[in-house]
Each structure stands twice: as structure tokens, then as C-alpha cells.
Amino acid sequence: MEMLLMGACLSVFGLAVCCLAFGAATRDSGNAVAAAPAAEKEVVKAAVSPARFFVDPPVLPAHQLFGDKLIPLIEELNQRLAA
């Protein structure tokens, strides 16, 4: 029974620490009014920058864009199978 009580106490203590850390991470700073214009400029710059994860997204060469050629081939195969 004592071990169960100790586990419950440690769980509640861990939850309290997590709540405090979350509150500290999401709390606005005291000088938020003065920092607001600078933060808006940074947000605009972040929105304009290209979305990437370590590198730019790969650009497909023209020969790999085969949608226009693939559809007629599929239709031709369907006609052959239907006949």
C-alpha cells in the first residue's frame, strides 16, 4: 500500500512540474506590448520564406512529369483489354 501511495504522490508531483513548465513556456512576457511590432515582422519574414526541412524541395525534371502521356497509355490498355 505504501508503494502505491508513493507512486501516486510521484505522479501528482510530476504532473505539477509539467503544468508549471507548460505555464512558463506559454506565458506572455511582461513587455509584450513593446516586443509586438518586432514579433510581427519576424512572423511576416517566416511566412515569406520557403517551406523546407533541411533542404529545398526537389524540382522534378520535365521528363518525369508524365501525366499527359500516362493517361492516353492507360486508355489504350483499357481498350485492348476490353476488345
Protein backbone atom coordinates (compact mmCIF):
# COMPACT_ATOMS: atom_id res chain seq x y z
CA MET A 1 0.00 0.00 0.00
CA GLU A 2 2.85 2.36 0.78
CA MET A 3 4.37 1.77 -2.67
CA LEU A 4 1.04 2.61 -4.33
CA LEU A 5 0.80 5.81 -2.30
CA MET A 6 4.40 6.74 -3.18
CA GLY A 7 3.70 6.13 -6.88
CA ALA A 8 0.57 8.30 -6.73
CA CYS A 9 2.49 11.09 -4.96
CA LEU A 10 5.29 10.97 -7.54
CA SER A 11 2.75 11.02 -10.37
CA VAL A 12 1.00 14.08 -8.93
CA PHE A 13 4.36 15.78 -8.38
CA GLY A 14 5.37 15.03 -11.99
CA LEU A 15 2.07 16.40 -13.26
CA ALA A 16 2.58 19.57 -11.22
CA VAL A 17 6.08 20.04 -12.66
CA CYS A 18 4.75 19.55 -16.19
CA CYS A 19 1.96 22.07 -15.59
CA LEU A 20 4.43 24.63 -14.27
CA ALA A 21 6.74 24.11 -17.24
CA PHE A 22 3.87 24.40 -19.70
CA GLY A 23 2.63 27.57 -18.00
CA ALA A 24 6.10 29.10 -18.12
CA ALA A 25 6.54 28.20 -21.79
CA THR A 26 3.20 29.67 -22.89
CA ARG A 27 3.21 32.76 -20.65
CA ASP A 28 3.49 36.13 -22.35
CA SER A 29 6.41 38.25 -21.28
CA GLY A 30 5.81 41.42 -19.25
CA ASN A 31 6.95 43.72 -22.06
CA ALA A 32 4.80 42.11 -24.76
CA VAL A 33 3.50 45.49 -25.95
CA ALA A 34 6.99 46.77 -26.81
CA ALA A 35 8.02 43.50 -28.45
CA ALA A 36 4.85 43.11 -30.54
CA PRO A 37 5.99 45.06 -33.67
CA ALA A 38 9.29 43.18 -33.82
CA ALA A 39 7.49 39.86 -33.43
CA GLU A 40 5.08 40.73 -36.27
CA LYS A 41 7.98 41.49 -38.59
CA GLU A 42 9.58 38.15 -37.76
CA VAL A 43 6.30 36.34 -38.40
CA VAL A 44 5.96 38.01 -41.80
CA LYS A 45 9.52 37.01 -42.71
CA ALA A 46 8.85 33.44 -41.62
CA ALA A 47 5.68 33.32 -43.73
CA VAL A 48 7.51 34.58 -46.82
CA SER A 49 10.43 32.17 -46.54
CA PRO A 50 10.06 28.90 -48.48
CA ALA A 51 8.85 25.88 -46.57
CA ARG A 52 11.64 23.33 -46.28
CA PHE A 53 13.08 20.75 -43.94
CA PHE A 54 16.88 20.92 -44.09
CA VAL A 55 16.91 21.35 -47.91
CA ASP A 56 14.82 22.83 -50.70
CA PRO A 57 12.17 20.54 -52.13
CA PRO A 58 13.40 18.69 -55.21
CA VAL A 59 12.38 20.08 -58.57
CA LEU A 60 11.16 17.39 -60.93
CA PRO A 61 12.74 17.47 -64.38
CA ALA A 62 10.41 17.81 -67.34
CA HIS A 63 10.82 14.15 -68.34
CA GLN A 64 9.42 13.00 -65.00
CA LEU A 65 6.18 14.94 -65.43
CA PHE A 66 4.38 12.28 -67.44
CA GLY A 67 0.73 12.79 -66.53
CA ASP A 68 -0.25 13.90 -70.02
CA LYS A 69 1.45 10.87 -71.57
CA LEU A 70 0.29 8.35 -68.98
CA ILE A 71 -3.46 8.91 -69.36
CA PRO A 72 -3.57 8.02 -73.10
CA LEU A 73 -1.49 4.90 -72.41
CA ILE A 74 -3.92 3.76 -69.72
CA GLU A 75 -6.88 4.40 -72.02
CA GLU A 76 -5.17 2.43 -74.81
CA LEU A 77 -4.57 -0.51 -72.44
CA ASN A 78 -8.20 -0.41 -71.32
CA GLN A 79 -9.36 -0.54 -74.96
CA ARG A 80 -7.06 -3.51 -75.66
CA LEU A 81 -8.34 -5.39 -72.61
CA ALA A 82 -11.97 -4.63 -73.48
CA ALA A 83 -11.55 -5.95 -77.03
